[in-house]
């Protein structure tokens, strides 16, 4: 097996960036279990992304890794979706299984499952965006900015935009890096504010 070249190798590098950011966020989140699970899934997603985009391999092995990646990524996005819609874990897993089956069928029949998944991600973000406003979630503007950043990345990916050595996949990954950092800041800010309130209550009540 050898390293890929051109756009594929750059995409692998941007996956490595997501991998590093996800590890940092996972380690530095303490009590937010669902968010920790979200970043943990992203660690595996991005690691597999580095492999499938960065290493030349047989078609069969590549398809197997893509199937695994698609499975983990469906859980990742549905966990993210479930955080804002307050889904139970069983609902997240059920939705993930159904979506995984759809993507695997599309993969088997050589259909554009990546496009389908990108559209699904954009749809879940729009619905989550609605629930953030509906439930008036704390630090909502951080989440909204993160969503907007990722929506732009998803749209540029669908447009198959290229910029120098970076193709639409790499560009989308760079926007994802920014989104993950913004979400992490929002989560930490929420945790800090909640703990500050607890300390205030203990000292003055």
N, C-alpha and C. Protein backbone atom coordinates (compact mmCIF):
# COMPACT_ATOMS: atom_id res chain seq x y z
N UNK A 1 0.84 -1.20 0.00
CA UNK A 1 0.00 0.00 0.00
C UNK A 1 0.88 1.25 0.00
N UNK A 2 0.43 2.28 -0.74
CA UNK A 2 1.18 3.53 -0.87
C UNK A 2 0.27 4.71 -0.54
N UNK A 3 0.90 5.85 -0.26
CA UNK A 3 0.12 7.06 -0.03
C UNK A 3 -0.52 7.53 -1.33
N UNK A 4 -1.70 8.13 -1.20
CA UNK A 4 -2.36 8.70 -2.35
C UNK A 4 -1.69 10.02 -2.73
N UNK A 5 -2.19 10.66 -3.75
CA UNK A 5 -1.63 11.92 -4.20
C UNK A 5 -2.74 12.95 -4.43
N UNK A 6 -2.34 14.18 -4.64
CA UNK A 6 -3.26 15.23 -5.04
C UNK A 6 -4.37 15.49 -4.04
N UNK A 7 -5.59 15.64 -4.57
CA UNK A 7 -6.73 15.99 -3.73
C UNK A 7 -6.97 14.98 -2.62
N UNK A 8 -6.81 13.69 -2.94
CA UNK A 8 -7.08 12.66 -1.94
C UNK A 8 -6.14 12.79 -0.74
N UNK A 9 -4.87 13.04 -0.99
CA UNK A 9 -3.91 13.18 0.09
C UNK A 9 -4.21 14.42 0.94
N UNK A 10 -4.59 15.52 0.30
CA UNK A 10 -4.95 16.74 1.03
C UNK A 10 -6.19 16.49 1.89
N UNK A 11 -7.15 15.74 1.34
CA UNK A 11 -8.34 15.39 2.11
C UNK A 11 -7.97 14.56 3.34
N UNK A 12 -7.02 13.66 3.17
CA UNK A 12 -6.54 12.86 4.31
C UNK A 12 -5.93 13.77 5.37
N UNK A 13 -5.18 14.77 4.94
CA UNK A 13 -4.55 15.70 5.89
C UNK A 13 -5.61 16.50 6.65
N UNK A 14 -6.66 16.94 5.94
CA UNK A 14 -7.73 17.68 6.63
C UNK A 14 -8.48 16.76 7.59
N UNK A 15 -8.59 15.48 7.26
CA UNK A 15 -9.17 14.51 8.20
C UNK A 15 -8.31 14.40 9.45
N UNK A 16 -6.99 14.44 9.25
CA UNK A 16 -6.07 14.38 10.39
C UNK A 16 -6.25 15.59 11.30
N UNK A 17 -6.56 16.74 10.71
CA UNK A 17 -6.82 17.94 11.50
C UNK A 17 -8.07 17.76 12.36
N UNK A 18 -9.12 17.19 11.77
CA UNK A 18 -10.34 16.90 12.53
C UNK A 18 -10.04 15.92 13.64
N UNK A 19 -9.21 14.93 13.35
CA UNK A 19 -8.81 13.90 14.33
C UNK A 19 -8.15 14.56 15.55
N UNK A 20 -7.21 15.45 15.31
CA UNK A 20 -6.48 16.11 16.40
C UNK A 20 -7.42 17.00 17.23
N UNK A 21 -8.26 17.78 16.55
CA UNK A 21 -9.20 18.66 17.25
C UNK A 21 -10.18 17.83 18.09
N UNK A 22 -10.66 16.72 17.54
CA UNK A 22 -11.63 15.87 18.25
C UNK A 22 -11.01 15.25 19.49
N UNK A 23 -9.77 14.82 19.40
CA UNK A 23 -9.08 14.27 20.57
C UNK A 23 -8.96 15.33 21.66
N UNK A 24 -8.56 16.53 21.28
CA UNK A 24 -8.42 17.61 22.25
C UNK A 24 -9.75 17.90 22.94
N UNK A 25 -10.82 18.01 22.15
CA UNK A 25 -12.14 18.30 22.71
C UNK A 25 -12.62 17.18 23.61
N UNK A 26 -12.41 15.95 23.19
CA UNK A 26 -12.83 14.79 23.98
C UNK A 26 -12.13 14.78 25.35
N UNK A 27 -10.85 15.02 25.35
CA UNK A 27 -10.07 14.99 26.59
C UNK A 27 -10.49 16.12 27.53
N UNK A 28 -10.83 17.27 26.97
CA UNK A 28 -11.09 18.44 27.80
C UNK A 28 -12.56 18.67 28.15
N UNK A 29 -13.43 17.74 27.75
CA UNK A 29 -14.82 17.78 28.19
C UNK A 29 -14.98 16.79 29.33
N UNK A 30 -15.50 17.25 30.46
CA UNK A 30 -15.55 16.41 31.65
C UNK A 30 -16.91 15.74 31.85
N UNK A 31 -17.95 16.54 32.04
CA UNK A 31 -19.24 15.99 32.45
C UNK A 31 -20.25 15.84 31.32
N UNK A 32 -19.94 16.37 30.16
CA UNK A 32 -20.89 16.34 29.05
C UNK A 32 -20.78 15.01 28.31
N UNK A 33 -21.52 14.00 28.78
CA UNK A 33 -21.36 12.64 28.25
C UNK A 33 -21.75 12.51 26.78
N UNK A 34 -22.88 13.11 26.40
CA UNK A 34 -23.31 13.01 25.01
C UNK A 34 -22.35 13.72 24.07
N UNK A 35 -21.85 14.87 24.51
CA UNK A 35 -20.87 15.59 23.68
C UNK A 35 -19.55 14.83 23.62
N UNK A 36 -19.15 14.21 24.72
CA UNK A 36 -17.93 13.40 24.71
C UNK A 36 -18.08 12.23 23.73
N UNK A 37 -19.26 11.62 23.73
CA UNK A 37 -19.52 10.52 22.79
C UNK A 37 -19.49 11.02 21.36
N UNK A 38 -20.01 12.23 21.13
CA UNK A 38 -19.99 12.85 19.81
C UNK A 38 -18.55 13.00 19.31
N UNK A 39 -17.68 13.56 20.15
CA UNK A 39 -16.28 13.76 19.75
C UNK A 39 -15.53 12.43 19.66
N UNK A 40 -15.91 11.46 20.49
CA UNK A 40 -15.28 10.14 20.40
C UNK A 40 -15.58 9.49 19.05
N UNK A 41 -16.83 9.58 18.63
CA UNK A 41 -17.20 9.05 17.31
C UNK A 41 -16.43 9.76 16.21
N UNK A 42 -16.25 11.08 16.36
CA UNK A 42 -15.51 11.84 15.36
C UNK A 42 -14.05 11.42 15.30
N UNK A 43 -13.50 11.00 16.43
CA UNK A 43 -12.12 10.51 16.45
C UNK A 43 -11.99 9.31 15.52
N UNK A 44 -12.93 8.37 15.66
CA UNK A 44 -12.91 7.17 14.80
C UNK A 44 -13.23 7.52 13.36
N UNK A 45 -14.21 8.42 13.15
CA UNK A 45 -14.57 8.84 11.79
C UNK A 45 -13.37 9.41 11.05
N UNK A 46 -12.73 10.38 11.69
CA UNK A 46 -11.63 11.08 11.03
C UNK A 46 -10.42 10.18 10.84
N UNK A 47 -10.19 9.26 11.79
CA UNK A 47 -9.07 8.32 11.65
C UNK A 47 -9.28 7.43 10.42
N UNK A 48 -10.50 6.92 10.28
CA UNK A 48 -10.80 6.12 9.09
C UNK A 48 -10.73 6.97 7.82
N UNK A 49 -11.12 8.25 7.95
CA UNK A 49 -11.03 9.16 6.81
C UNK A 49 -9.60 9.34 6.34
N UNK A 50 -8.68 9.42 7.30
CA UNK A 50 -7.25 9.51 6.94
C UNK A 50 -6.83 8.29 6.15
N UNK A 51 -7.29 7.12 6.56
CA UNK A 51 -6.89 5.86 5.91
C UNK A 51 -7.48 5.75 4.50
N UNK A 52 -8.80 5.95 4.38
CA UNK A 52 -9.45 5.74 3.07
C UNK A 52 -9.02 6.78 2.05
N UNK A 53 -8.70 7.99 2.51
CA UNK A 53 -8.28 9.04 1.57
C UNK A 53 -6.76 9.08 1.40
N UNK A 54 -6.03 8.59 2.38
CA UNK A 54 -4.57 8.75 2.34
C UNK A 54 -3.77 7.55 1.90
N UNK A 55 -4.41 6.37 1.88
CA UNK A 55 -3.68 5.15 1.54
C UNK A 55 -4.34 4.44 0.35
N UNK A 56 -3.54 4.10 -0.63
CA UNK A 56 -4.05 3.34 -1.76
C UNK A 56 -4.25 1.89 -1.35
N UNK A 57 -5.41 1.35 -1.66
CA UNK A 57 -5.72 -0.04 -1.27
C UNK A 57 -6.68 -0.65 -2.28
N UNK A 58 -6.94 -1.92 -2.11
CA UNK A 58 -7.85 -2.60 -3.03
C UNK A 58 -9.26 -2.04 -2.90
N UNK A 59 -10.04 -2.17 -3.96
CA UNK A 59 -11.41 -1.65 -3.97
C UNK A 59 -12.25 -2.30 -2.88
N UNK A 60 -12.10 -3.61 -2.71
CA UNK A 60 -12.90 -4.33 -1.70
C UNK A 60 -12.61 -3.82 -0.29
N UNK A 61 -11.32 -3.67 0.03
CA UNK A 61 -10.94 -3.17 1.36
C UNK A 61 -11.42 -1.74 1.55
N UNK A 62 -11.29 -0.94 0.49
CA UNK A 62 -11.75 0.45 0.55
C UNK A 62 -13.25 0.53 0.83
N UNK A 63 -14.03 -0.34 0.16
CA UNK A 63 -15.48 -0.36 0.36
C UNK A 63 -15.85 -0.78 1.77
N UNK A 64 -15.10 -1.75 2.32
CA UNK A 64 -15.36 -2.22 3.68
C UNK A 64 -15.12 -1.09 4.68
N UNK A 65 -14.00 -0.37 4.50
CA UNK A 65 -13.68 0.74 5.40
C UNK A 65 -14.71 1.87 5.27
N UNK A 66 -15.16 2.12 4.03
CA UNK A 66 -16.18 3.14 3.83
C UNK A 66 -17.48 2.75 4.52
N UNK A 67 -17.81 1.46 4.49
CA UNK A 67 -19.02 0.97 5.14
C UNK A 67 -18.93 1.18 6.66
N UNK A 68 -17.76 0.87 7.22
CA UNK A 68 -17.55 1.07 8.66
C UNK A 68 -17.62 2.55 9.01
N UNK A 69 -16.96 3.37 8.17
CA UNK A 69 -16.96 4.82 8.40
C UNK A 69 -18.38 5.37 8.34
N UNK A 70 -19.15 4.93 7.34
CA UNK A 70 -20.53 5.40 7.20
C UNK A 70 -21.36 5.02 8.41
N UNK A 71 -21.14 3.80 8.93
CA UNK A 71 -21.88 3.35 10.11
C UNK A 71 -21.59 4.22 11.32
N UNK A 72 -20.29 4.45 11.58
CA UNK A 72 -19.91 5.27 12.74
C UNK A 72 -20.39 6.71 12.57
N UNK A 73 -20.29 7.21 11.34
CA UNK A 73 -20.66 8.60 11.12
C UNK A 73 -22.16 8.83 11.26
N UNK A 74 -22.97 7.83 10.91
CA UNK A 74 -24.41 7.97 11.12
C UNK A 74 -24.72 8.09 12.61
N UNK A 75 -24.01 7.31 13.43
CA UNK A 75 -24.19 7.41 14.88
C UNK A 75 -23.73 8.78 15.37
N UNK A 76 -22.62 9.27 14.80
CA UNK A 76 -22.09 10.59 15.18
C UNK A 76 -23.12 11.69 14.95
N UNK A 77 -23.64 11.74 13.74
CA UNK A 77 -24.55 12.84 13.40
C UNK A 77 -25.89 12.69 14.11
N UNK A 78 -26.35 11.46 14.32
CA UNK A 78 -27.62 11.26 15.02
C UNK A 78 -27.48 11.54 16.51
N UNK A 79 -26.29 11.30 17.06
CA UNK A 79 -26.03 11.68 18.45
C UNK A 79 -26.07 13.20 18.58
N UNK A 80 -25.44 13.88 17.63
CA UNK A 80 -25.45 15.35 17.58
C UNK A 80 -26.89 15.85 17.47
N UNK A 81 -27.66 15.23 16.58
CA UNK A 81 -29.06 15.56 16.36
C UNK A 81 -29.86 15.35 17.65
N UNK A 82 -29.60 14.22 18.31
CA UNK A 82 -30.33 13.85 19.50
C UNK A 82 -30.07 14.75 20.70
N UNK A 83 -28.89 15.36 20.76
CA UNK A 83 -28.56 16.27 21.86
C UNK A 83 -29.55 17.43 21.92
N UNK A 84 -29.86 18.00 20.77
CA UNK A 84 -30.73 19.16 20.72
C UNK A 84 -32.22 18.79 20.73
N UNK A 85 -32.55 17.61 20.19
CA UNK A 85 -33.95 17.18 20.18
C UNK A 85 -34.29 16.32 21.40
N UNK A 86 -33.26 16.12 22.28
CA UNK A 86 -33.44 15.37 23.52
C UNK A 86 -33.93 13.94 23.26
N UNK A 87 -33.33 13.31 22.26
CA UNK A 87 -33.63 11.92 21.97
C UNK A 87 -33.06 11.01 23.05
N UNK A 88 -33.71 9.87 23.25
CA UNK A 88 -33.13 8.82 24.07
C UNK A 88 -32.14 8.04 23.21
N UNK A 89 -31.22 7.33 23.87
CA UNK A 89 -30.18 6.61 23.15
C UNK A 89 -30.77 5.59 22.18
N UNK A 90 -31.87 4.92 22.58
CA UNK A 90 -32.48 3.90 21.71
C UNK A 90 -33.01 4.52 20.42
N UNK A 91 -33.49 5.76 20.51
CA UNK A 91 -33.98 6.45 19.30
C UNK A 91 -32.81 6.83 18.39
N UNK A 92 -31.71 7.26 19.00
CA UNK A 92 -30.51 7.61 18.23
C UNK A 92 -29.99 6.38 17.49
N UNK A 93 -29.93 5.24 18.19
CA UNK A 93 -29.41 4.01 17.59
C UNK A 93 -30.35 3.49 16.49
N UNK A 94 -31.66 3.57 16.73
CA UNK A 94 -32.63 3.12 15.72
C UNK A 94 -32.50 3.93 14.44
N UNK A 95 -32.45 5.24 14.60
CA UNK A 95 -32.29 6.14 13.45
C UNK A 95 -30.97 5.86 12.73
N UNK A 96 -29.93 5.59 13.49
CA UNK A 96 -28.61 5.30 12.92
C UNK A 96 -28.62 4.01 12.12
N UNK A 97 -29.29 2.99 12.64
CA UNK A 97 -29.37 1.70 11.95
C UNK A 97 -30.10 1.84 10.62
N UNK A 98 -31.22 2.57 10.62
CA UNK A 98 -32.00 2.75 9.40
C UNK A 98 -31.20 3.52 8.34
N UNK A 99 -30.52 4.58 8.78
CA UNK A 99 -29.72 5.37 7.85
C UNK A 99 -28.53 4.57 7.32
N UNK A 100 -27.93 3.77 8.21
CA UNK A 100 -26.79 2.94 7.80
C UNK A 100 -27.20 1.94 6.74
N UNK A 101 -28.35 1.31 6.92
CA UNK A 101 -28.86 0.34 5.94
C UNK A 101 -29.05 1.02 4.59
N UNK A 102 -29.64 2.22 4.61
CA UNK A 102 -29.85 2.96 3.37
C UNK A 102 -28.52 3.26 2.68
N UNK A 103 -27.53 3.73 3.44
CA UNK A 103 -26.23 4.09 2.85
C UNK A 103 -25.50 2.86 2.32
N UNK A 104 -25.61 1.73 3.04
CA UNK A 104 -24.95 0.51 2.59
C UNK A 104 -25.57 -0.02 1.30
N UNK A 105 -26.90 0.07 1.21
CA UNK A 105 -27.58 -0.34 -0.03
C UNK A 105 -27.12 0.53 -1.19
N UNK A 106 -27.02 1.83 -0.95
CA UNK A 106 -26.56 2.75 -1.99
C UNK A 106 -25.12 2.45 -2.38
N UNK A 107 -24.29 2.09 -1.39
CA UNK A 107 -22.89 1.75 -1.65
C UNK A 107 -22.79 0.50 -2.51
N UNK A 108 -23.59 -0.51 -2.19
CA UNK A 108 -23.59 -1.78 -2.93
C UNK A 108 -23.98 -1.56 -4.38
N UNK A 109 -24.96 -0.69 -4.60
CA UNK A 109 -25.45 -0.45 -5.96
C UNK A 109 -24.73 0.73 -6.62
N UNK A 110 -23.59 1.14 -6.03
CA UNK A 110 -22.73 2.18 -6.58
C UNK A 110 -23.49 3.49 -6.82
N UNK A 111 -24.34 3.84 -5.86
CA UNK A 111 -25.07 5.11 -5.91
C UNK A 111 -24.32 6.14 -5.07
N UNK A 112 -24.66 7.39 -5.23
CA UNK A 112 -23.93 8.47 -4.56
C UNK A 112 -24.40 8.59 -3.10
N UNK A 113 -23.91 7.69 -2.24
CA UNK A 113 -24.32 7.69 -0.85
C UNK A 113 -23.72 8.87 -0.08
N UNK A 114 -22.58 9.37 -0.54
CA UNK A 114 -21.95 10.51 0.15
C UNK A 114 -22.83 11.75 0.01
N UNK A 115 -23.35 11.97 -1.19
CA UNK A 115 -24.25 13.11 -1.42
C UNK A 115 -25.49 12.98 -0.54
N UNK A 116 -26.04 11.77 -0.47
CA UNK A 116 -27.22 11.53 0.36
C UNK A 116 -26.93 11.86 1.82
N UNK A 117 -25.76 11.44 2.28
CA UNK A 117 -25.41 11.68 3.68
C UNK A 117 -25.19 13.16 3.96
N UNK A 118 -24.54 13.86 3.04
CA UNK A 118 -24.33 15.31 3.20
C UNK A 118 -25.67 16.03 3.31
N UNK A 119 -26.61 15.64 2.46
CA UNK A 119 -27.95 16.24 2.50
C UNK A 119 -28.64 15.93 3.83
N UNK A 120 -28.45 14.72 4.33
CA UNK A 120 -29.03 14.33 5.62
C UNK A 120 -28.43 15.18 6.74
N UNK A 121 -27.12 15.37 6.71
CA UNK A 121 -26.44 16.19 7.72
C UNK A 121 -26.98 17.61 7.70
N UNK A 122 -27.12 18.17 6.51
CA UNK A 122 -27.64 19.53 6.38
C UNK A 122 -29.07 19.62 6.92
N UNK A 123 -29.88 18.58 6.66
CA UNK A 123 -31.26 18.56 7.15
C UNK A 123 -31.29 18.51 8.68
N UNK A 124 -30.46 17.66 9.28
CA UNK A 124 -30.45 17.54 10.74
C UNK A 124 -29.98 18.85 11.39
N UNK A 125 -29.04 19.54 10.73
CA UNK A 125 -28.56 20.80 11.27
C UNK A 125 -29.65 21.87 11.22
N UNK A 126 -30.42 21.89 10.14
CA UNK A 126 -31.51 22.86 10.02
C UNK A 126 -32.57 22.60 11.09
N UNK A 127 -32.91 21.33 11.32
CA UNK A 127 -33.90 20.98 12.34
C UNK A 127 -33.37 21.32 13.73
N UNK A 128 -32.08 21.01 13.98
CA UNK A 128 -31.46 21.35 15.26
C UNK A 128 -31.46 22.86 15.47
N UNK A 129 -31.19 23.59 14.40
CA UNK A 129 -31.21 25.06 14.42
C UNK A 129 -32.57 25.55 14.91
N UNK A 130 -33.64 24.94 14.43
CA UNK A 130 -35.00 25.31 14.83
C UNK A 130 -35.21 25.06 16.32
N UNK A 131 -34.76 23.90 16.82
CA UNK A 131 -34.97 23.55 18.22
C UNK A 131 -34.14 24.41 19.16
N UNK A 132 -33.00 24.87 18.71
CA UNK A 132 -32.18 25.77 19.53
C UNK A 132 -32.94 27.06 19.81
N UNK A 133 -33.62 27.59 18.79
CA UNK A 133 -34.42 28.79 18.97
C UNK A 133 -35.67 28.50 19.78
N UNK A 134 -36.29 27.35 19.51
CA UNK A 134 -37.53 26.99 20.19
C UNK A 134 -37.32 26.83 21.70
N UNK A 135 -36.24 26.14 22.08
CA UNK A 135 -35.98 25.86 23.50
C UNK A 135 -35.12 26.91 24.18
N UNK A 136 -34.69 27.92 23.41
CA UNK A 136 -33.86 29.01 23.94
C UNK A 136 -32.64 28.47 24.70
N UNK A 137 -31.87 27.63 24.02
CA UNK A 137 -30.69 27.00 24.62
C UNK A 137 -29.62 28.05 24.95
N UNK A 138 -28.97 27.87 26.10
CA UNK A 138 -27.91 28.78 26.51
C UNK A 138 -26.78 28.79 25.48
N UNK A 139 -26.19 29.96 25.32
CA UNK A 139 -25.09 30.14 24.35
C UNK A 139 -25.52 29.77 22.93
N UNK A 140 -26.80 29.98 22.63
CA UNK A 140 -27.33 29.52 21.35
C UNK A 140 -26.61 30.13 20.16
N UNK A 141 -26.09 31.36 20.33
CA UNK A 141 -25.45 32.01 19.18
C UNK A 141 -24.15 31.33 18.80
N UNK A 142 -23.47 30.70 19.76
CA UNK A 142 -22.29 29.91 19.42
C UNK A 142 -22.68 28.74 18.53
N UNK A 143 -23.74 28.04 18.93
CA UNK A 143 -24.21 26.89 18.15
C UNK A 143 -24.68 27.33 16.77
N UNK A 144 -25.40 28.44 16.74
CA UNK A 144 -25.91 28.92 15.46
C UNK A 144 -24.77 29.29 14.51
N UNK A 145 -23.76 29.99 15.04
CA UNK A 145 -22.60 30.34 14.21
C UNK A 145 -21.90 29.07 13.72
N UNK A 146 -21.76 28.08 14.63
CA UNK A 146 -21.16 26.81 14.23
C UNK A 146 -21.94 26.12 13.14
N UNK A 147 -23.28 26.15 13.27
CA UNK A 147 -24.14 25.54 12.24
C UNK A 147 -23.97 26.25 10.90
N UNK A 148 -23.96 27.58 10.95
CA UNK A 148 -23.84 28.35 9.71
C UNK A 148 -22.51 28.05 9.02
N UNK A 149 -21.44 27.98 9.82
CA UNK A 149 -20.12 27.65 9.26
C UNK A 149 -20.16 26.28 8.57
N UNK A 150 -20.79 25.28 9.24
CA UNK A 150 -20.84 23.95 8.65
C UNK A 150 -21.76 23.88 7.45
N UNK A 151 -22.85 24.65 7.49
CA UNK A 151 -23.76 24.70 6.34
C UNK A 151 -23.04 25.24 5.11
N UNK A 152 -22.24 26.28 5.31
CA UNK A 152 -21.45 26.83 4.20
C UNK A 152 -20.51 25.76 3.65
N UNK A 153 -19.84 25.03 4.57
CA UNK A 153 -18.94 23.97 4.14
C UNK A 153 -19.67 22.88 3.37
N UNK A 154 -20.87 22.51 3.85
CA UNK A 154 -21.65 21.48 3.17
C UNK A 154 -22.11 21.93 1.79
N UNK A 155 -22.51 23.19 1.69
CA UNK A 155 -22.95 23.73 0.40
C UNK A 155 -21.79 23.76 -0.60
N UNK A 156 -20.62 24.20 -0.13
CA UNK A 156 -19.43 24.23 -1.00
C UNK A 156 -19.05 22.82 -1.46
N UNK A 157 -19.27 21.84 -0.55
CA UNK A 157 -18.99 20.45 -0.92
C UNK A 157 -19.95 19.99 -2.02
N UNK A 158 -21.24 20.32 -1.86
CA UNK A 158 -22.23 19.93 -2.86
C UNK A 158 -21.95 20.61 -4.20
N UNK A 159 -21.38 21.81 -4.14
CA UNK A 159 -21.03 22.55 -5.37
C UNK A 159 -19.75 22.01 -6.00
N UNK A 160 -19.07 21.08 -5.28
CA UNK A 160 -17.79 20.51 -5.75
C UNK A 160 -16.76 21.60 -6.05
N UNK A 161 -16.72 22.59 -5.16
CA UNK A 161 -15.79 23.70 -5.31
C UNK A 161 -14.35 23.23 -5.07
N UNK A 162 -13.43 23.81 -5.80
CA UNK A 162 -12.01 23.52 -5.62
C UNK A 162 -11.25 24.83 -5.41
N UNK A 163 -10.20 24.76 -4.60
CA UNK A 163 -9.37 25.94 -4.34
C UNK A 163 -7.92 25.50 -4.30
N UNK A 164 -7.21 25.70 -5.40
CA UNK A 164 -5.82 25.26 -5.47
C UNK A 164 -5.71 23.75 -5.29
N UNK A 165 -4.90 23.31 -4.32
CA UNK A 165 -4.70 21.86 -4.12
C UNK A 165 -5.81 21.21 -3.31
N UNK A 166 -6.80 22.00 -2.86
CA UNK A 166 -7.87 21.47 -2.01
C UNK A 166 -9.16 21.34 -2.81
N UNK A 167 -9.76 20.14 -2.79
CA UNK A 167 -11.04 19.97 -3.48
C UNK A 167 -12.19 20.17 -2.50
N UNK A 168 -13.41 19.86 -2.94
CA UNK A 168 -14.60 20.12 -2.14
C UNK A 168 -14.59 19.38 -0.81
N UNK A 169 -14.02 18.17 -0.77
CA UNK A 169 -13.97 17.41 0.48
C UNK A 169 -13.07 18.10 1.51
N UNK A 170 -11.88 18.49 1.06
CA UNK A 170 -10.95 19.16 1.95
C UNK A 170 -11.49 20.49 2.45
N UNK A 171 -12.15 21.24 1.57
CA UNK A 171 -12.73 22.52 1.96
C UNK A 171 -13.79 22.32 3.03
N UNK A 172 -14.66 21.32 2.83
CA UNK A 172 -15.70 21.02 3.81
C UNK A 172 -15.08 20.63 5.15
N UNK A 173 -13.99 19.87 5.11
CA UNK A 173 -13.32 19.45 6.34
C UNK A 173 -12.75 20.65 7.11
N UNK A 174 -12.25 21.63 6.39
CA UNK A 174 -11.72 22.83 7.05
C UNK A 174 -12.84 23.58 7.78
N UNK A 175 -14.00 23.66 7.15
CA UNK A 175 -15.16 24.28 7.80
C UNK A 175 -15.59 23.45 9.00
N UNK A 176 -15.48 22.13 8.88
CA UNK A 176 -15.82 21.25 10.00
C UNK A 176 -14.90 21.50 11.19
N UNK A 177 -13.61 21.69 10.92
CA UNK A 177 -12.65 22.00 11.99
C UNK A 177 -13.10 23.25 12.75
N UNK A 178 -13.49 24.28 12.01
CA UNK A 178 -13.94 25.52 12.65
C UNK A 178 -15.21 25.27 13.46
N UNK A 179 -16.12 24.49 12.92
CA UNK A 179 -17.38 24.18 13.62
C UNK A 179 -17.12 23.45 14.92
N UNK A 180 -16.24 22.47 14.90
CA UNK A 180 -15.95 21.68 16.10
C UNK A 180 -15.36 22.55 17.21
N UNK A 181 -14.52 23.49 16.82
CA UNK A 181 -13.92 24.41 17.81
C UNK A 181 -14.99 25.32 18.40
N UNK A 182 -15.88 25.86 17.55
CA UNK A 182 -16.95 26.74 18.02
C UNK A 182 -17.89 25.99 18.97
N UNK A 183 -18.25 24.76 18.63
CA UNK A 183 -19.12 23.95 19.50
C UNK A 183 -18.45 23.68 20.84
N UNK A 184 -17.15 23.39 20.79
CA UNK A 184 -16.41 23.12 22.02
C UNK A 184 -16.43 24.35 22.93
N UNK A 185 -16.23 25.53 22.35
CA UNK A 185 -16.26 26.77 23.14
C UNK A 185 -17.63 26.95 23.78
N UNK A 186 -18.70 26.67 23.03
CA UNK A 186 -20.06 26.80 23.55
C UNK A 186 -20.31 25.85 24.72
N UNK A 187 -19.84 24.62 24.59
CA UNK A 187 -20.03 23.61 25.64
C UNK A 187 -19.27 24.00 26.89
N UNK A 188 -18.01 24.42 26.73
CA UNK A 188 -17.19 24.82 27.87
C UNK A 188 -17.77 26.05 28.56
N UNK A 189 -18.29 26.98 27.76
CA UNK A 189 -18.88 28.20 28.32
C UNK A 189 -20.11 27.85 29.14
N UNK A 190 -20.92 26.91 28.65
CA UNK A 190 -22.10 26.45 29.38
C UNK A 190 -21.68 25.80 30.69
N UNK A 191 -20.67 24.94 30.63
CA UNK A 191 -20.19 24.25 31.84
C UNK A 191 -19.66 25.26 32.85
N UNK A 192 -18.92 26.26 32.39
CA UNK A 192 -18.33 27.27 33.28
C UNK A 192 -19.44 28.08 33.96
N UNK A 193 -20.45 28.49 33.19
CA UNK A 193 -21.53 29.29 33.74
C UNK A 193 -22.33 28.52 34.78
N UNK A 194 -22.58 27.23 34.50
CA UNK A 194 -23.34 26.40 35.44
C UNK A 194 -22.57 26.22 36.74
N UNK A 195 -21.26 25.99 36.65
CA UNK A 195 -20.44 25.80 37.85
C UNK A 195 -20.29 27.10 38.62
N UNK A 196 -20.24 28.23 37.92
CA UNK A 196 -20.15 29.53 38.58
C UNK A 196 -21.42 29.79 39.37
N UNK A 197 -22.57 29.40 38.81
CA UNK A 197 -23.85 29.56 39.51
C UNK A 197 -23.89 28.69 40.76
N UNK A 198 -23.37 27.46 40.65
CA UNK A 198 -23.35 26.55 41.81
C UNK A 198 -22.48 27.12 42.94
N UNK A 199 -21.33 27.65 42.57
CA UNK A 199 -20.42 28.23 43.56
C UNK A 199 -21.07 29.44 44.23
N UNK A 200 -21.76 30.25 43.45
CA UNK A 200 -22.44 31.43 43.98
C UNK A 200 -23.52 31.03 44.99
N UNK A 201 -24.29 29.97 44.65
CA UNK A 201 -25.34 29.51 45.55
C UNK A 201 -24.75 28.99 46.87
N UNK A 202 -23.65 28.24 46.78
CA UNK A 202 -23.03 27.67 47.99
C UNK A 202 -22.50 28.77 48.90
N UNK A 203 -22.02 29.84 48.31
CA UNK A 203 -21.40 30.92 49.11
C UNK A 203 -22.43 31.88 49.72
N UNK A 204 -23.59 32.01 49.06
CA UNK A 204 -24.52 33.05 49.51
C UNK A 204 -25.86 32.51 50.00
N UNK A 205 -26.02 31.16 49.99
CA UNK A 205 -27.29 30.59 50.47
C UNK A 205 -27.03 29.63 51.62
